[in-house]
């Protein structure tokens, strides 16, 4: 039995919720690992999270 058959997910991502990363604007599609905290997910990756949280030196 394949993993997708176990979870019931058929591979069609168009039915999953999505939102935009606040750092880069890239679209993020819902993941099983984000199931319990989907409302608080803001960044698409650790790189975006670190880039957004560190102050930029301009000037």
Protein backbone atom coordinates (compact mmCIF):
# COMPACT_ATOMS: atom_id res chain seq x y z
CA UNK A 1 0.00 0.00 0.00
CA UNK A 2 1.36 3.41 -0.98
CA UNK A 3 1.51 6.35 1.40
CA UNK A 4 -1.03 8.38 -0.59
CA UNK A 5 -3.54 5.55 -0.34
CA UNK A 6 -3.12 5.44 3.43
CA UNK A 7 -3.80 9.14 4.02
CA UNK A 8 -6.63 9.44 1.49
CA UNK A 9 -4.81 12.24 -0.38
CA UNK A 10 -4.96 11.62 -4.12
CA UNK A 11 -2.27 14.11 -5.14
CA UNK A 12 -4.48 16.99 -6.27
CA UNK A 13 -3.08 20.07 -4.50
CA UNK A 14 -5.72 22.37 -5.95
CA UNK A 15 -8.12 21.27 -3.19
CA UNK A 16 -5.71 22.13 -0.35
CA UNK A 17 -5.75 25.58 1.30
CA UNK A 18 -2.88 27.94 0.58
CA UNK A 19 -1.53 31.32 1.69
CA UNK A 20 1.33 33.67 0.87
CA UNK A 21 4.67 33.85 2.70
CA UNK A 22 4.96 37.23 4.47
CA UNK A 23 8.68 37.48 3.65
CA UNK A 24 8.89 36.59 -0.04
CA UNK A 25 5.28 36.37 -1.23
CA UNK A 26 5.61 32.77 -2.43
CA UNK A 27 2.44 30.69 -2.25
CA UNK A 28 2.50 27.97 0.42
CA UNK A 29 0.21 24.97 0.14
CA UNK A 30 -1.10 23.29 3.29
CA UNK A 31 1.05 20.44 4.63
CA UNK A 32 0.15 17.65 7.01
CA UNK A 33 2.94 18.79 9.38
CA UNK A 34 1.21 22.22 9.61
CA UNK A 35 -2.18 20.68 10.44
CA UNK A 36 -2.30 21.82 14.09
CA UNK A 37 -0.82 25.30 13.59
CA UNK A 38 -1.85 26.30 10.04
CA UNK A 39 -3.27 29.60 11.30
CA UNK A 40 0.11 30.66 12.72
CA UNK A 41 2.26 29.61 9.72
CA UNK A 42 3.70 32.77 8.15
CA UNK A 43 6.90 31.75 6.35
CA UNK A 44 7.55 29.26 3.56
CA UNK A 45 10.98 28.26 4.89
CA UNK A 46 13.48 28.75 7.69
CA UNK A 47 15.46 31.04 5.39
CA UNK A 48 12.48 33.40 5.02
CA UNK A 49 11.77 33.25 8.75
CA UNK A 50 15.36 34.20 9.59
CA UNK A 51 15.53 36.89 6.92
CA UNK A 52 12.32 38.54 8.11
CA UNK A 53 13.15 38.44 11.83
CA UNK A 54 16.62 39.94 11.55
CA UNK A 55 16.92 43.73 11.17
CA UNK A 56 18.34 44.88 7.85
CA UNK A 57 21.22 47.33 7.82
CA UNK A 58 20.46 49.95 5.20
CA UNK A 59 22.17 53.11 4.86
